[in-house]
Amino acid sequence: MKTPFALIVLVLALFLGACADQPLISDEDYKASHGPAPNSPDPSSHVSQSPLSNY
C-alpha cells in the first residue's frame, strides 16, 4: 500500500518540478505592464543633472 502512494507522490513532485521551469509571464512583460506604485518617489531624484560637474 505504501508503494503506490510513494509512486504517486513521486510522479506528482516531478510534474510540479517540470512546470516550475516555465514562468507564466516574462520579466519584460511584467515590467511593461507594472509601473511604479502610486505616489512613489522618483528614484532618479537623487542623481545630479550633470555627473561630470564635479571633475
PDB file of N, CA and C in Angstrom:
ATOM      1  N   MET A   1       0.821  -1.200   0.000  1.00  0.00           N
ATOM      2  CA  MET A   1       0.000   0.000   0.000  1.00  0.00           C
ATOM      3  C   MET A   1       0.863   1.263   0.000  1.00  0.00           C
ATOM      4  N   LYS A   2       2.049   1.175   0.589  1.00  0.00           N
ATOM      5  CA  LYS A   2       2.911   2.336   0.631  1.00  0.00           C
ATOM      6  C   LYS A   2       3.553   2.599  -0.728  1.00  0.00           C
ATOM      7  N   THR A   3       3.792   1.558  -1.485  1.00  0.00           N
ATOM      8  CA  THR A   3       4.484   1.719  -2.767  1.00  0.00           C
ATOM      9  C   THR A   3       3.669   2.531  -3.771  1.00  0.00           C
ATOM     10  N   PRO A   4       2.382   2.236  -3.989  1.00  0.00           N
ATOM     11  CA  PRO A   4       1.623   3.070  -4.944  1.00  0.00           C
ATOM     12  C   PRO A   4       1.514   4.524  -4.487  1.00  0.00           C
ATOM     13  N   PHE A   5       1.361   4.737  -3.195  1.00  0.00           N
ATOM     14  CA  PHE A   5       1.282   6.105  -2.682  1.00  0.00           C
ATOM     15  C   PHE A   5       2.607   6.837  -2.922  1.00  0.00           C
ATOM     16  N   ALA A   6       3.705   6.166  -2.689  1.00  0.00           N
ATOM     17  CA  ALA A   6       5.021   6.774  -2.907  1.00  0.00           C
ATOM     18  C   ALA A   6       5.230   7.072  -4.388  1.00  0.00           C
ATOM     19  N   LEU A   7       4.794   6.212  -5.269  1.00  0.00           N
ATOM     20  CA  LEU A   7       4.925   6.445  -6.710  1.00  0.00           C
ATOM     21  C   LEU A   7       4.076   7.639  -7.156  1.00  0.00           C
ATOM     22  N   ILE A   8       2.883   7.731  -6.618  1.00  0.00           N
ATOM     23  CA  ILE A   8       2.010   8.852  -6.967  1.00  0.00           C
ATOM     24  C   ILE A   8       2.637  10.167  -6.500  1.00  0.00           C
ATOM     25  N   VAL A   9       3.173  10.185  -5.295  1.00  0.00           N
ATOM     26  CA  VAL A   9       3.814  11.391  -4.772  1.00  0.00           C
ATOM     27  C   VAL A   9       5.037  11.741  -5.614  1.00  0.00           C
ATOM     28  N   LEU A  10       5.807  10.741  -6.009  1.00  0.00           N
ATOM     29  CA  LEU A  10       6.993  10.976  -6.820  1.00  0.00           C
ATOM     30  C   LEU A  10       6.630  11.546  -8.188  1.00  0.00           C
ATOM     31  N   VAL A  11       5.643  10.977  -8.838  1.00  0.00           N
ATOM     32  CA  VAL A  11       5.216  11.466 -10.154  1.00  0.00           C
ATOM     33  C   VAL A  11       4.658  12.884 -10.034  1.00  0.00           C
ATOM     34  N   LEU A  12       3.891  13.147  -9.009  1.00  0.00           N
ATOM     35  CA  LEU A  12       3.344  14.492  -8.797  1.00  0.00           C
ATOM     36  C   LEU A  12       4.463  15.506  -8.546  1.00  0.00           C
ATOM     37  N   ALA A  13       5.457  15.142  -7.761  1.00  0.00           N
ATOM     38  CA  ALA A  13       6.576  16.051  -7.490  1.00  0.00           C
ATOM     39  C   ALA A  13       7.363  16.327  -8.766  1.00  0.00           C
ATOM     40  N   LEU A  14       7.593  15.316  -9.583  1.00  0.00           N
ATOM     41  CA  LEU A  14       8.304  15.516 -10.845  1.00  0.00           C
ATOM     42  C   LEU A  14       7.504  16.396 -11.796  1.00  0.00           C
ATOM     43  N   PHE A  15       6.202  16.209 -11.830  1.00  0.00           N
ATOM     44  CA  PHE A  15       5.341  17.022 -12.692  1.00  0.00           C
ATOM     45  C   PHE A  15       5.359  18.485 -12.260  1.00  0.00           C
ATOM     46  N   LEU A  16       5.235  18.716 -10.960  1.00  0.00           N
ATOM     47  CA  LEU A  16       5.242  20.095 -10.473  1.00  0.00           C
ATOM     48  C   LEU A  16       6.616  20.733 -10.650  1.00  0.00           C
ATOM     49  N   GLY A  17       7.663  19.953 -10.518  1.00  0.00           N
ATOM     50  CA  GLY A  17       9.003  20.474 -10.739  1.00  0.00           C
ATOM     51  C   GLY A  17       9.229  20.864 -12.184  1.00  0.00           C
ATOM     52  N   ALA A  18       8.664  20.124 -13.111  1.00  0.00           N
ATOM     53  CA  ALA A  18       8.807  20.441 -14.531  1.00  0.00           C
ATOM     54  C   ALA A  18       8.012  21.703 -14.874  1.00  0.00           C
ATOM     55  N   CYS A  19       6.898  21.920 -14.232  1.00  0.00           N
ATOM     56  CA  CYS A  19       6.086  23.101 -14.504  1.00  0.00           C
ATOM     57  C   CYS A  19       6.723  24.366 -13.939  1.00  0.00           C
ATOM     58  N   ALA A  20       7.556  24.230 -12.933  1.00  0.00           N
ATOM     59  CA  ALA A  20       8.150  25.402 -12.291  1.00  0.00           C
ATOM     60  C   ALA A  20       9.191  26.076 -13.176  1.00  0.00           C
ATOM     61  N   ASP A  21       9.704  25.395 -14.186  1.00  0.00           N
ATOM     62  CA  ASP A  21      10.720  25.967 -15.057  1.00  0.00           C
ATOM     63  C   ASP A  21      10.148  26.932 -16.079  1.00  0.00           C
ATOM     64  N   GLN A  22       8.843  26.954 -16.236  1.00  0.00           N
ATOM     65  CA  GLN A  22       8.212  27.788 -17.249  1.00  0.00           C
ATOM     66  C   GLN A  22       7.415  28.902 -16.566  1.00  0.00           C
ATOM     67  N   PRO A  23       7.946  30.134 -16.570  1.00  0.00           N
ATOM     68  CA  PRO A  23       7.221  31.218 -15.915  1.00  0.00           C
ATOM     69  C   PRO A  23       5.937  31.564 -16.671  1.00  0.00           C
ATOM     70  N   LEU A  24       4.978  32.069 -15.944  1.00  0.00           N
ATOM     71  CA  LEU A  24       3.714  32.444 -16.563  1.00  0.00           C
ATOM     72  C   LEU A  24       3.845  33.734 -17.358  1.00  0.00           C
ATOM     73  N   ILE A  25       4.769  34.612 -16.950  1.00  0.00           N
ATOM     74  CA  ILE A  25       4.970  35.891 -17.625  1.00  0.00           C
ATOM     75  C   ILE A  25       6.471  36.191 -17.584  1.00  0.00           C
ATOM     76  N   SER A  26       6.969  36.764 -18.665  1.00  0.00           N
ATOM     77  CA  SER A  26       8.400  37.077 -18.720  1.00  0.00           C
ATOM     78  C   SER A  26       8.686  38.345 -17.920  1.00  0.00           C
ATOM     79  N   ASP A  27       9.951  38.560 -17.579  1.00  0.00           N
ATOM     80  CA  ASP A  27      10.333  39.755 -16.830  1.00  0.00           C
ATOM     81  C   ASP A  27      10.029  41.018 -17.622  1.00  0.00           C
ATOM     82  N   GLU A  28      10.252  40.983 -18.925  1.00  0.00           N
ATOM     83  CA  GLU A  28       9.996  42.155 -19.759  1.00  0.00           C
ATOM     84  C   GLU A  28       8.511  42.491 -19.789  1.00  0.00           C
ATOM     85  N   ASP A  29       7.665  41.469 -19.909  1.00  0.00           N
ATOM     86  CA  ASP A  29       6.225  41.711 -19.918  1.00  0.00           C
ATOM     87  C   ASP A  29       5.744  42.254 -18.574  1.00  0.00           C
ATOM     88  N   TYR A  30       6.318  41.740 -17.486  1.00  0.00           N
ATOM     89  CA  TYR A  30       5.918  42.219 -16.162  1.00  0.00           C
ATOM     90  C   TYR A  30       6.289  43.688 -15.987  1.00  0.00           C
ATOM     91  N   LYS A  31       7.520  44.050 -16.375  1.00  0.00           N
ATOM     92  CA  LYS A  31       7.960  45.438 -16.235  1.00  0.00           C
ATOM     93  C   LYS A  31       7.150  46.373 -17.127  1.00  0.00           C
ATOM     94  N   ALA A  32       6.738  45.888 -18.289  1.00  0.00           N
ATOM     95  CA  ALA A  32       5.953  46.725 -19.199  1.00  0.00           C
ATOM     96  C   ALA A  32       4.542  46.959 -18.670  1.00  0.00           C
ATOM     97  N   SER A  33       3.988  45.985 -17.966  1.00  0.00           N
ATOM     98  CA  SER A  33       2.605  46.108 -17.514  1.00  0.00           C
ATOM     99  C   SER A  33       2.485  46.668 -16.099  1.00  0.00           C
ATOM    100  N   HIS A  34       3.582  46.752 -15.350  1.00  0.00           N
ATOM    101  CA  HIS A  34       3.540  47.259 -13.980  1.00  0.00           C
ATOM    102  C   HIS A  34       4.466  48.456 -13.862  1.00  0.00           C
ATOM    103  N   GLY A  35       3.892  49.602 -13.686  1.00  0.00           N
ATOM    104  CA  GLY A  35       4.673  50.817 -13.493  1.00  0.00           C
ATOM    105  C   GLY A  35       5.009  50.995 -12.022  1.00  0.00           C
ATOM    106  N   PRO A  36       5.512  52.152 -11.656  1.00  0.00           N
ATOM    107  CA  PRO A  36       5.797  52.403 -10.243  1.00  0.00           C
ATOM    108  C   PRO A  36       4.501  52.515  -9.435  1.00  0.00           C
ATOM    109  N   ALA A  37       4.625  52.322  -8.154  1.00  0.00           N
ATOM    110  CA  ALA A  37       3.463  52.408  -7.278  1.00  0.00           C
ATOM    111  C   ALA A  37       2.941  53.838  -7.239  1.00  0.00           C
ATOM    112  N   PRO A  38       1.653  54.019  -7.009  1.00  0.00           N
ATOM    113  CA  PRO A  38       1.106  55.366  -6.911  1.00  0.00           C
ATOM    114  C   PRO A  38       1.774  56.145  -5.775  1.00  0.00           C
ATOM    115  N   ASN A  39       2.039  57.419  -6.016  1.00  0.00           N
ATOM    116  CA  ASN A  39       2.664  58.320  -5.048  1.00  0.00           C
ATOM    117  C   ASN A  39       4.065  57.879  -4.641  1.00  0.00           C
ATOM    118  N   SER A  40       4.725  57.091  -5.487  1.00  0.00           N
ATOM    119  CA  SER A  40       6.083  56.670  -5.163  1.00  0.00           C
ATOM    120  C   SER A  40       7.059  57.770  -5.556  1.00  0.00           C
ATOM    121  N   PRO A  41       8.151  57.910  -4.825  1.00  0.00           N
ATOM    122  CA  PRO A  41       9.118  58.951  -5.158  1.00  0.00           C
ATOM    123  C   PRO A  41       9.871  58.612  -6.435  1.00  0.00           C
ATOM    124  N   ASP A  42      10.398  59.629  -7.073  1.00  0.00           N
ATOM    125  CA  ASP A  42      11.179  59.439  -8.286  1.00  0.00           C
ATOM    126  C   ASP A  42      12.539  58.861  -7.896  1.00  0.00           C
ATOM    127  N   PRO A  43      12.889  57.659  -8.371  1.00  0.00           N
ATOM    128  CA  PRO A  43      14.157  57.055  -7.951  1.00  0.00           C
ATOM    129  C   PRO A  43      15.377  57.792  -8.497  1.00  0.00           C
ATOM    130  N   SER A  44      15.212  58.593  -9.517  1.00  0.00           N
ATOM    131  CA  SER A  44      16.352  59.305 -10.072  1.00  0.00           C
ATOM    132  C   SER A  44      16.477  60.725  -9.517  1.00  0.00           C
ATOM    133  N   SER A  45      15.699  61.086  -8.513  1.00  0.00           N
ATOM    134  CA  SER A  45      15.735  62.447  -7.991  1.00  0.00           C
ATOM    135  C   SER A  45      17.031  62.753  -7.257  1.00  0.00           C
ATOM    136  N   HIS A  46      17.720  61.752  -6.736  1.00  0.00           N
ATOM    137  CA  HIS A  46      18.959  61.990  -6.018  1.00  0.00           C
ATOM    138  C   HIS A  46      20.171  62.078  -6.952  1.00  0.00           C
ATOM    139  N   VAL A  47      20.016  61.790  -8.219  1.00  0.00           N
ATOM    140  CA  VAL A  47      21.107  61.849  -9.179  1.00  0.00           C
ATOM    141  C   VAL A  47      21.245  63.280  -9.682  1.00  0.00           C
ATOM    142  N   SER A  48      22.453  63.795  -9.662  1.00  0.00           N
ATOM    143  CA  SER A  48      22.645  65.168 -10.131  1.00  0.00           C
ATOM    144  C   SER A  48      22.438  65.233 -11.641  1.00  0.00           C
ATOM    145  N   GLN A  49      22.101  66.405 -12.115  1.00  0.00           N
ATOM    146  CA  GLN A  49      21.811  66.573 -13.535  1.00  0.00           C
ATOM    147  C   GLN A  49      23.050  66.455 -14.400  1.00  0.00           C
ATOM    148  N   SER A  50      24.201  66.882 -13.876  1.00  0.00           N
ATOM    149  CA  SER A  50      25.434  66.824 -14.654  1.00  0.00           C
ATOM    150  C   SER A  50      26.469  66.020 -13.870  1.00  0.00           C
ATOM    151  N   PRO A  51      26.631  64.744 -14.174  1.00  0.00           N
ATOM    152  CA  PRO A  51      27.558  63.925 -13.387  1.00  0.00           C
ATOM    153  C   PRO A  51      29.022  64.336 -13.564  1.00  0.00           C
ATOM    154  N   LEU A  52      29.373  65.079 -14.623  1.00  0.00           N
ATOM    155  CA  LEU A  52      30.756  65.487 -14.855  1.00  0.00           C
ATOM    156  C   LEU A  52      31.077  66.839 -14.241  1.00  0.00           C
ATOM    157  N   SER A  53      30.116  67.452 -13.562  1.00  0.00           N
ATOM    158  CA  SER A  53      30.344  68.777 -12.997  1.00  0.00           C
ATOM    159  C   SER A  53      31.324  68.753 -11.833  1.00  0.00           C
ATOM    160  N   ASN A  54      31.549  67.607 -11.220  1.00  0.00           N
ATOM    161  CA  ASN A  54      32.476  67.508 -10.086  1.00  0.00           C
ATOM    162  C   ASN A  54      33.922  67.408 -10.538  1.00  0.00           C
ATOM    163  N   TYR A  55      34.170  67.201 -11.813  1.00  0.00           N
ATOM    164  CA  TYR A  55      35.541  66.988 -12.290  1.00  0.00           C
ATOM    165  C   TYR A  55      36.122  68.223 -12.902  1.00  0.00           C
TER     166      TYR A  55
END
